[in-house]
Each structure stands twice: as C-alpha cells, then as structure tokens.
Amino acid sequence: MRCSYLFDYLLKIGIMSYNGMANVPLNWQELNAWVQATGTPLNAWELNVIHRASEEYVNQVELSRKPDAPMPERIVQHDPVKLAKHIKNVLR
C-alpha cells in the first residue's frame, strides 16, 4: 500500500511543534484541528502514521545535533520531496 500522500499531509500540517522550550511532535489536538479545518478525511491508521512520522522527525532532530550529521530542517527548506524520502527511510 502506498502512503506517500501522508507525508505530503505532514508537510502541510507542519512537521513538528514547539512547546516554548523545545521542538515536540505534533499532538493529537493539532492533528484533529487540521483534519477539521481542512475537511480531510483521515482514518486512525493514517493519523497514526502522521503522528509517528512527526515523533521520528523530532527524534532525528535531536540525534542530528552531532557535528557530522545534517539537521533535517535543512532538507525541508530546500526540498520537501527529499524530506518525505528521509522520513520514509526512518520509518522502515
């Protein structure tokens, strides 16, 4: 089953949030608000994939603080397609 469209949604929603102290994964309220605001019909497994991708992205941001590892947002700013591929690889 192809689910690359979910990563397009993730980019539209915003990959992560900020809680005033640190980057954090999207929370369920944010995901629900986006679904309601856009009228995009998503079922539970689709929302879980988006949520998990956000969690993994935030985890990778933290891991990428090493000097020899590129920060994921560098990919986002330049090429959303590369970001989607990166997230897919993380989730494998």
PDB file of N, CA and C in Angstrom:
ATOM      1  N   MET A   1       0.845  -1.183   0.000  1.00  0.00           N
ATOM      2  CA  MET A   1       0.000   0.000   0.000  1.00  0.00           C
ATOM      3  C   MET A   1       0.889   1.245   0.000  1.00  0.00           C
ATOM      4  N   ARG A   2       0.584   2.163  -0.857  1.00  0.00           N
ATOM      5  CA  ARG A   2       1.354   3.397  -0.944  1.00  0.00           C
ATOM      6  C   ARG A   2       0.724   4.441  -0.019  1.00  0.00           C
ATOM      7  N   CYS A   3       1.551   5.069   0.764  1.00  0.00           N
ATOM      8  CA  CYS A   3       1.010   6.084   1.682  1.00  0.00           C
ATOM      9  C   CYS A   3       1.844   7.362   1.635  1.00  0.00           C
ATOM     10  N   SER A   4       2.496   7.622   0.516  1.00  0.00           N
ATOM     11  CA  SER A   4       3.322   8.831   0.421  1.00  0.00           C
ATOM     12  C   SER A   4       2.485  10.105   0.580  1.00  0.00           C
ATOM     13  N   TYR A   5       1.194  10.041   0.262  1.00  0.00           N
ATOM     14  CA  TYR A   5       0.329  11.201   0.441  1.00  0.00           C
ATOM     15  C   TYR A   5       0.292  11.644   1.900  1.00  0.00           C
ATOM     16  N   LEU A   6       0.517  10.708   2.832  1.00  0.00           N
ATOM     17  CA  LEU A   6       0.506  11.076   4.245  1.00  0.00           C
ATOM     18  C   LEU A   6       1.667  11.997   4.580  1.00  0.00           C
ATOM     19  N   PHE A   7       2.782  11.818   3.902  1.00  0.00           N
ATOM     20  CA  PHE A   7       3.924  12.694   4.146  1.00  0.00           C
ATOM     21  C   PHE A   7       3.691  14.071   3.538  1.00  0.00           C
ATOM     22  N   ASP A   8       2.921  14.122   2.464  1.00  0.00           N
ATOM     23  CA  ASP A   8       2.509  15.424   1.925  1.00  0.00           C
ATOM     24  C   ASP A   8       1.640  16.148   2.950  1.00  0.00           C
ATOM     25  N   TYR A   9       0.728  15.405   3.592  1.00  0.00           N
ATOM     26  CA  TYR A   9      -0.106  15.998   4.634  1.00  0.00           C
ATOM     27  C   TYR A   9       0.756  16.478   5.798  1.00  0.00           C
ATOM     28  N   LEU A  10       1.737  15.674   6.183  1.00  0.00           N
ATOM     29  CA  LEU A  10       2.623  16.058   7.288  1.00  0.00           C
ATOM     30  C   LEU A  10       3.302  17.389   6.992  1.00  0.00           C
ATOM     31  N   LEU A  11       3.770  17.559   5.766  1.00  0.00           N
ATOM     32  CA  LEU A  11       4.415  18.818   5.397  1.00  0.00           C
ATOM     33  C   LEU A  11       3.428  19.978   5.446  1.00  0.00           C
ATOM     34  N   LYS A  12       2.186  19.737   5.056  1.00  0.00           N
ATOM     35  CA  LYS A  12       1.171  20.793   5.090  1.00  0.00           C
ATOM     36  C   LYS A  12       0.799  21.157   6.525  1.00  0.00           C
ATOM     37  N   ILE A  13       0.690  20.156   7.383  1.00  0.00           N
ATOM     38  CA  ILE A  13       0.316  20.396   8.783  1.00  0.00           C
ATOM     39  C   ILE A  13       1.434  21.129   9.514  1.00  0.00           C
ATOM     40  N   GLY A  14       2.659  20.730   9.219  1.00  0.00           N
ATOM     41  CA  GLY A  14       3.833  21.220   9.935  1.00  0.00           C
ATOM     42  C   GLY A  14       4.454  20.007  10.597  1.00  0.00           C
ATOM     43  N   ILE A  15       5.709  19.813  10.423  1.00  0.00           N
ATOM     44  CA  ILE A  15       6.347  18.563  10.825  1.00  0.00           C
ATOM     45  C   ILE A  15       6.413  18.395  12.334  1.00  0.00           C
ATOM     46  N   MET A  16       6.542  19.501  13.041  1.00  0.00           N
ATOM     47  CA  MET A  16       6.646  19.430  14.497  1.00  0.00           C
ATOM     48  C   MET A  16       6.107  20.717  15.085  1.00  0.00           C
ATOM     49  N   SER A  17       5.990  20.727  16.383  1.00  0.00           N
ATOM     50  CA  SER A  17       5.542  21.912  17.114  1.00  0.00           C
ATOM     51  C   SER A  17       6.663  22.373  18.039  1.00  0.00           C
ATOM     52  N   TYR A  18       6.407  23.463  18.711  1.00  0.00           N
ATOM     53  CA  TYR A  18       7.340  23.981  19.702  1.00  0.00           C
ATOM     54  C   TYR A  18       6.538  24.270  20.950  1.00  0.00           C
ATOM     55  N   ASN A  19       6.976  23.745  22.087  1.00  0.00           N
ATOM     56  CA  ASN A  19       6.197  23.918  23.316  1.00  0.00           C
ATOM     57  C   ASN A  19       6.698  25.063  24.201  1.00  0.00           C
ATOM     58  N   GLY A  20       7.541  25.915  23.664  1.00  0.00           N
ATOM     59  CA  GLY A  20       8.088  27.019  24.444  1.00  0.00           C
ATOM     60  C   GLY A  20       9.471  26.726  24.978  1.00  0.00           C
ATOM     61  N   MET A  21       9.837  25.458  24.989  1.00  0.00           N
ATOM     62  CA  MET A  21      11.155  25.065  25.484  1.00  0.00           C
ATOM     63  C   MET A  21      11.915  24.196  24.483  1.00  0.00           C
ATOM     64  N   ALA A  22      11.174  23.459  23.683  1.00  0.00           N
ATOM     65  CA  ALA A  22      11.833  22.520  22.763  1.00  0.00           C
ATOM     66  C   ALA A  22      10.893  22.161  21.618  1.00  0.00           C
ATOM     67  N   ASN A  23      11.469  21.604  20.566  1.00  0.00           N
ATOM     68  CA  ASN A  23      10.660  21.047  19.493  1.00  0.00           C
ATOM     69  C   ASN A  23       9.982  19.789  20.018  1.00  0.00           C
ATOM     70  N   VAL A  24       8.724  19.611  19.659  1.00  0.00           N
ATOM     71  CA  VAL A  24       7.969  18.438  20.090  1.00  0.00           C
ATOM     72  C   VAL A  24       7.177  17.903  18.901  1.00  0.00           C
ATOM     73  N   PRO A  25       6.826  16.622  18.941  1.00  0.00           N
ATOM     74  CA  PRO A  25       5.993  16.073  17.865  1.00  0.00           C
ATOM     75  C   PRO A  25       4.619  16.735  17.851  1.00  0.00           C
ATOM     76  N   LEU A  26       3.962  16.677  16.716  1.00  0.00           N
ATOM     77  CA  LEU A  26       2.587  17.155  16.637  1.00  0.00           C
ATOM     78  C   LEU A  26       1.748  16.373  17.643  1.00  0.00           C
ATOM     79  N   ASN A  27       0.849  17.063  18.312  1.00  0.00           N
ATOM     80  CA  ASN A  27      -0.010  16.343  19.247  1.00  0.00           C
ATOM     81  C   ASN A  27      -1.344  16.022  18.575  1.00  0.00           C
ATOM     82  N   TRP A  28      -2.117  15.201  19.246  1.00  0.00           N
ATOM     83  CA  TRP A  28      -3.378  14.744  18.656  1.00  0.00           C
ATOM     84  C   TRP A  28      -4.368  15.881  18.449  1.00  0.00           C
ATOM     85  N   GLN A  29      -4.340  16.876  19.312  1.00  0.00           N
ATOM     86  CA  GLN A  29      -5.240  18.019  19.144  1.00  0.00           C
ATOM     87  C   GLN A  29      -4.895  18.801  17.877  1.00  0.00           C
ATOM     88  N   GLU A  30      -3.600  18.969  17.613  1.00  0.00           N
ATOM     89  CA  GLU A  30      -3.177  19.673  16.399  1.00  0.00           C
ATOM     90  C   GLU A  30      -3.588  18.898  15.149  1.00  0.00           C
ATOM     91  N   LEU A  31      -3.394  17.590  15.196  1.00  0.00           N
ATOM     92  CA  LEU A  31      -3.790  16.772  14.048  1.00  0.00           C
ATOM     93  C   LEU A  31      -5.303  16.843  13.829  1.00  0.00           C
ATOM     94  N   ASN A  32      -6.061  16.721  14.908  1.00  0.00           N
ATOM     95  CA  ASN A  32      -7.515  16.789  14.796  1.00  0.00           C
ATOM     96  C   ASN A  32      -7.967  18.158  14.281  1.00  0.00           C
ATOM     97  N   ALA A  33      -7.346  19.216  14.752  1.00  0.00           N
ATOM     98  CA  ALA A  33      -7.705  20.566  14.299  1.00  0.00           C
ATOM     99  C   ALA A  33      -7.457  20.709  12.801  1.00  0.00           C
ATOM    100  N   TRP A  34      -6.355  20.170  12.301  1.00  0.00           N
ATOM    101  CA  TRP A  34      -6.058  20.249  10.881  1.00  0.00           C
ATOM    102  C   TRP A  34      -7.083  19.463  10.068  1.00  0.00           C
ATOM    103  N   VAL A  35      -7.414  18.263  10.541  1.00  0.00           N
ATOM    104  CA  VAL A  35      -8.415  17.443   9.851  1.00  0.00           C
ATOM    105  C   VAL A  35      -9.743  18.190   9.789  1.00  0.00           C
ATOM    106  N   GLN A  36     -10.153  18.774  10.903  1.00  0.00           N
ATOM    107  CA  GLN A  36     -11.419  19.502  10.956  1.00  0.00           C
ATOM    108  C   GLN A  36     -11.389  20.751  10.077  1.00  0.00           C
ATOM    109  N   ALA A  37     -10.285  21.483  10.122  1.00  0.00           N
ATOM    110  CA  ALA A  37     -10.184  22.735   9.374  1.00  0.00           C
ATOM    111  C   ALA A  37     -10.145  22.508   7.866  1.00  0.00           C
ATOM    112  N   THR A  38      -9.515  21.431   7.451  1.00  0.00           N
ATOM    113  CA  THR A  38      -9.371  21.176   6.016  1.00  0.00           C
ATOM    114  C   THR A  38     -10.445  20.251   5.459  1.00  0.00           C
ATOM    115  N   GLY A  39     -11.139  19.555   6.350  1.00  0.00           N
ATOM    116  CA  GLY A  39     -12.137  18.594   5.891  1.00  0.00           C
ATOM    117  C   GLY A  39     -11.517  17.367   5.240  1.00  0.00           C
ATOM    118  N   THR A  40     -10.262  17.108   5.566  1.00  0.00           N
ATOM    119  CA  THR A  40      -9.553  15.959   5.006  1.00  0.00           C
ATOM    120  C   THR A  40      -9.961  14.699   5.775  1.00  0.00           C
ATOM    121  N   PRO A  41     -10.567  13.739   5.091  1.00  0.00           N
ATOM    122  CA  PRO A  41     -10.979  12.520   5.796  1.00  0.00           C
ATOM    123  C   PRO A  41      -9.796  11.574   6.006  1.00  0.00           C
ATOM    124  N   LEU A  42      -9.372  11.426   7.240  1.00  0.00           N
ATOM    125  CA  LEU A  42      -8.286  10.502   7.571  1.00  0.00           C
ATOM    126  C   LEU A  42      -8.788   9.511   8.606  1.00  0.00           C
ATOM    127  N   ASN A  43      -8.400   8.263   8.444  1.00  0.00           N
ATOM    128  CA  ASN A  43      -8.797   7.280   9.439  1.00  0.00           C
ATOM    129  C   ASN A  43      -7.682   7.108  10.472  1.00  0.00           C
ATOM    130  N   ALA A  44      -7.906   6.237  11.430  1.00  0.00           N
ATOM    131  CA  ALA A  44      -6.984   6.112  12.566  1.00  0.00           C
ATOM    132  C   ALA A  44      -5.578   5.714  12.151  1.00  0.00           C
ATOM    133  N   TRP A  45      -5.418   4.768  11.247  1.00  0.00           N
ATOM    134  CA  TRP A  45      -4.066   4.341  10.884  1.00  0.00           C
ATOM    135  C   TRP A  45      -3.323   5.462  10.159  1.00  0.00           C
ATOM    136  N   GLU A  46      -4.027   6.262   9.361  1.00  0.00           N
ATOM    137  CA  GLU A  46      -3.380   7.371   8.664  1.00  0.00           C
ATOM    138  C   GLU A  46      -2.893   8.418   9.660  1.00  0.00           C
ATOM    139  N   LEU A  47      -3.732   8.735  10.636  1.00  0.00           N
ATOM    140  CA  LEU A  47      -3.326   9.685  11.672  1.00  0.00           C
ATOM    141  C   LEU A  47      -2.154   9.143  12.482  1.00  0.00           C
ATOM    142  N   ASN A  48      -2.163   7.841  12.749  1.00  0.00           N
ATOM    143  CA  ASN A  48      -1.050   7.238  13.481  1.00  0.00           C
ATOM    144  C   ASN A  48       0.254   7.330  12.706  1.00  0.00           C
ATOM    145  N   VAL A  49       0.210   7.133  11.395  1.00  0.00           N
ATOM    146  CA  VAL A  49       1.422   7.261  10.578  1.00  0.00           C
ATOM    147  C   VAL A  49       1.949   8.692  10.626  1.00  0.00           C
ATOM    148  N   ILE A  50       1.065   9.659  10.482  1.00  0.00           N
ATOM    149  CA  ILE A  50       1.484  11.067  10.526  1.00  0.00           C
ATOM    150  C   ILE A  50       2.075  11.399  11.890  1.00  0.00           C
ATOM    151  N   HIS A  51       1.410  10.959  12.948  1.00  0.00           N
ATOM    152  CA  HIS A  51       1.898  11.228  14.302  1.00  0.00           C
ATOM    153  C   HIS A  51       3.261  10.582  14.524  1.00  0.00           C
ATOM    154  N   ARG A  52       3.395   9.344  14.111  1.00  0.00           N
ATOM    155  CA  ARG A  52       4.663   8.623  14.282  1.00  0.00           C
ATOM    156  C   ARG A  52       5.784   9.282  13.481  1.00  0.00           C
ATOM    157  N   ALA A  53       5.475   9.739  12.281  1.00  0.00           N
ATOM    158  CA  ALA A  53       6.481  10.418  11.461  1.00  0.00           C
ATOM    159  C   ALA A  53       6.948  11.701  12.144  1.00  0.00           C
ATOM    160  N   SER A  54       6.033  12.420  12.752  1.00  0.00           N
ATOM    161  CA  SER A  54       6.395  13.630  13.484  1.00  0.00           C
ATOM    162  C   SER A  54       7.295  13.292  14.670  1.00  0.00           C
ATOM    163  N   GLU A  55       6.942  12.224  15.402  1.00  0.00           N
ATOM    164  CA  GLU A  55       7.775  11.786  16.526  1.00  0.00           C
ATOM    165  C   GLU A  55       9.188  11.422  16.060  1.00  0.00           C
ATOM    166  N   GLU A  56       9.266  10.672  14.984  1.00  0.00           N
ATOM    167  CA  GLU A  56      10.568  10.244  14.472  1.00  0.00           C
ATOM    168  C   GLU A  56      11.385  11.430  13.975  1.00  0.00           C
ATOM    169  N   TYR A  57      10.707  12.403  13.380  1.00  0.00           N
ATOM    170  CA  TYR A  57      11.403  13.592  12.905  1.00  0.00           C
ATOM    171  C   TYR A  57      12.034  14.338  14.079  1.00  0.00           C
ATOM    172  N   VAL A  58      11.252  14.545  15.134  1.00  0.00           N
ATOM    173  CA  VAL A  58      11.780  15.246  16.315  1.00  0.00           C
ATOM    174  C   VAL A  58      12.938  14.452  16.919  1.00  0.00           C
ATOM    175  N   ASN A  59      12.803  13.131  16.988  1.00  0.00           N
ATOM    176  CA  ASN A  59      13.907  12.309  17.489  1.00  0.00           C
ATOM    177  C   ASN A  59      15.150  12.482  16.628  1.00  0.00           C
ATOM    178  N   GLN A  60      14.968  12.520  15.313  1.00  0.00           N
ATOM    179  CA  GLN A  60      16.107  12.675  14.419  1.00  0.00           C
ATOM    180  C   GLN A  60      16.743  14.051  14.557  1.00  0.00           C
ATOM    181  N   VAL A  61      15.937  15.065  14.785  1.00  0.00           N
ATOM    182  CA  VAL A  61      16.492  16.407  15.015  1.00  0.00           C
ATOM    183  C   VAL A  61      17.459  16.364  16.190  1.00  0.00           C
ATOM    184  N   GLU A  62      17.052  15.691  17.261  1.00  0.00           N
ATOM    185  CA  GLU A  62      17.917  15.588  18.439  1.00  0.00           C
ATOM    186  C   GLU A  62      19.179  14.794  18.128  1.00  0.00           C
ATOM    187  N   LEU A  63      19.035  13.681  17.419  1.00  0.00           N
ATOM    188  CA  LEU A  63      20.206  12.879  17.054  1.00  0.00           C
ATOM    189  C   LEU A  63      21.145  13.636  16.116  1.00  0.00           C
ATOM    190  N   SER A  64      20.567  14.516  15.325  1.00  0.00           N
ATOM    191  CA  SER A  64      21.348  15.241  14.319  1.00  0.00           C
ATOM    192  C   SER A  64      22.117  16.421  14.883  1.00  0.00           C
ATOM    193  N   ARG A  65      22.078  16.603  16.153  1.00  0.00           N
ATOM    194  CA  ARG A  65      22.838  17.708  16.753  1.00  0.00           C
ATOM    195  C   ARG A  65      24.338  17.433  16.745  1.00  0.00           C
ATOM    196  N   LYS A  66      24.718  16.210  16.376  1.00  0.00           N
ATOM    197  CA  LYS A  66      26.140  15.888  16.260  1.00  0.00           C
ATOM    198  C   LYS A  66      26.727  16.683  15.100  1.00  0.00           C
ATOM    199  N   PRO A  67      27.966  17.140  15.217  1.00  0.00           N
ATOM    200  CA  PRO A  67      28.558  17.984  14.170  1.00  0.00           C
ATOM    201  C   PRO A  67      28.601  17.326  12.788  1.00  0.00           C
ATOM    202  N   ASP A  68      28.706  16.017  12.722  1.00  0.00           N
ATOM    203  CA  ASP A  68      28.825  15.364  11.420  1.00  0.00           C
ATOM    204  C   ASP A  68      27.485  14.930  10.821  1.00  0.00           C
ATOM    205  N   ALA A  69      26.382  15.260  11.477  1.00  0.00           N
ATOM    206  CA  ALA A  69      25.066  14.875  10.969  1.00  0.00           C
ATOM    207  C   ALA A  69      24.283  16.121  10.566  1.00  0.00           C
ATOM    208  N   PRO A  70      23.723  16.146   9.344  1.00  0.00           N
ATOM    209  CA  PRO A  70      22.942  17.319   8.918  1.00  0.00           C
ATOM    210  C   PRO A  70      21.603  17.389   9.644  1.00  0.00           C
ATOM    211  N   MET A  71      21.169  18.589   9.944  1.00  0.00           N
ATOM    212  CA  MET A  71      19.874  18.786  10.571  1.00  0.00           C
ATOM    213  C   MET A  71      18.771  18.532   9.550  1.00  0.00           C
ATOM    214  N   PRO A  72      17.703  17.825   9.911  1.00  0.00           N
ATOM    215  CA  PRO A  72      16.620  17.546   8.956  1.00  0.00           C
ATOM    216  C   PRO A  72      15.967  18.793   8.383  1.00  0.00           C
ATOM    217  N   GLU A  73      15.892  19.893   9.144  1.00  0.00           N
ATOM    218  CA  GLU A  73      15.218  21.065   8.581  1.00  0.00           C
ATOM    219  C   GLU A  73      15.970  21.657   7.400  1.00  0.00           C
ATOM    220  N   ARG A  74      17.233  21.346   7.243  1.00  0.00           N
ATOM    221  CA  ARG A  74      17.942  21.793   6.040  1.00  0.00           C
ATOM    222  C   ARG A  74      17.318  21.163   4.805  1.00  0.00           C
ATOM    223  N   ILE A  75      16.870  19.933   4.932  1.00  0.00           N
ATOM    224  CA  ILE A  75      16.219  19.245   3.824  1.00  0.00           C
ATOM    225  C   ILE A  75      14.863  19.889   3.557  1.00  0.00           C
ATOM    226  N   VAL A  76      14.119  20.212   4.613  1.00  0.00           N
ATOM    227  CA  VAL A  76      12.784  20.784   4.469  1.00  0.00           C
ATOM    228  C   VAL A  76      12.842  22.108   3.733  1.00  0.00           C
ATOM    229  N   GLN A  77      13.773  22.943   4.089  1.00  0.00           N
ATOM    230  CA  GLN A  77      13.846  24.270   3.495  1.00  0.00           C
ATOM    231  C   GLN A  77      14.156  24.207   2.003  1.00  0.00           C
ATOM    232  N   HIS A  78      14.862  23.176   1.582  1.00  0.00           N
ATOM    233  CA  HIS A  78      15.297  23.120   0.201  1.00  0.00           C
ATOM    234  C   HIS A  78      14.484  22.179  -0.669  1.00  0.00           C
ATOM    235  N   ASP A  79      14.033  21.078  -0.115  1.00  0.00           N
ATOM    236  CA  ASP A  79      13.371  20.085  -0.953  1.00  0.00           C
ATOM    237  C   ASP A  79      12.433  19.193  -0.137  1.00  0.00           C
ATOM    238  N   PRO A  80      11.135  19.480  -0.163  1.00  0.00           N
ATOM    239  CA  PRO A  80      10.179  18.667   0.586  1.00  0.00           C
ATOM    240  C   PRO A  80      10.153  17.202   0.129  1.00  0.00           C
ATOM    241  N   VAL A  81      10.473  16.951  -1.116  1.00  0.00           N
ATOM    242  CA  VAL A  81      10.493  15.573  -1.614  1.00  0.00           C
ATOM    243  C   VAL A  81      11.585  14.776  -0.913  1.00  0.00           C
ATOM    244  N   LYS A  82      12.756  15.393  -0.717  1.00  0.00           N
ATOM    245  CA  LYS A  82      13.849  14.725  -0.005  1.00  0.00           C
ATOM    246  C   LYS A  82      13.439  14.450   1.441  1.00  0.00           C
ATOM    247  N   LEU A  83      12.711  15.373   2.047  1.00  0.00           N
ATOM    248  CA  LEU A  83      12.247  15.148   3.413  1.00  0.00           C
ATOM    249  C   LEU A  83      11.332  13.932   3.473  1.00  0.00           C
ATOM    250  N   ALA A  84      10.403  13.845   2.559  1.00  0.00           N
ATOM    251  CA  ALA A  84       9.478  12.701   2.541  1.00  0.00           C
ATOM    252  C   ALA A  84      10.253  11.403   2.402  1.00  0.00           C
ATOM    253  N   LYS A  85      11.255  11.372   1.532  1.00  0.00           N
ATOM    254  CA  LYS A  85      12.074  10.170   1.375  1.00  0.00           C
ATOM    255  C   LYS A  85      12.835   9.867   2.655  1.00  0.00           C
ATOM    256  N   HIS A  86      13.350  10.921   3.297  1.00  0.00           N
ATOM    257  CA  HIS A  86      14.098  10.733   4.548  1.00  0.00           C
ATOM    258  C   HIS A  86      13.189  10.122   5.618  1.00  0.00           C
ATOM    259  N   ILE A  87      11.986  10.644   5.754  1.00  0.00           N
ATOM    260  CA  ILE A  87      11.068  10.145   6.781  1.00  0.00           C
ATOM    261  C   ILE A  87      10.682   8.705   6.467  1.00  0.00           C
ATOM    262  N   LYS A  88      10.423   8.403   5.201  1.00  0.00           N
ATOM    263  CA  LYS A  88      10.095   7.023   4.831  1.00  0.00           C
ATOM    264  C   LYS A  88      11.223   6.077   5.222  1.00  0.00           C
ATOM    265  N   ASN A  89      12.460   6.496   4.994  1.00  0.00           N
ATOM    266  CA  ASN A  89      13.596   5.648   5.345  1.00  0.00           C
ATOM    267  C   ASN A  89      13.709   5.466   6.853  1.00  0.00           C
ATOM    268  N   VAL A  90      13.407   6.496   7.619  1.00  0.00           N
ATOM    269  CA  VAL A  90      13.450   6.393   9.077  1.00  0.00           C
ATOM    270  C   VAL A  90      12.418   5.403   9.585  1.00  0.00           C
ATOM    271  N   LEU A  91      11.254   5.376   8.966  1.00  0.00           N
ATOM    272  CA  LEU A  91      10.172   4.511   9.422  1.00  0.00           C
ATOM    273  C   LEU A  91      10.303   3.059   8.964  1.00  0.00           C
ATOM    274  N   ARG A  92      11.253   2.775   8.117  1.00  0.00           N
ATOM    275  CA  ARG A  92      11.438   1.373   7.645  1.00  0.00           C
ATOM    276  C   ARG A  92      12.050   0.521   8.687  1.00  0.00           C
TER     277      ARG A  92
END
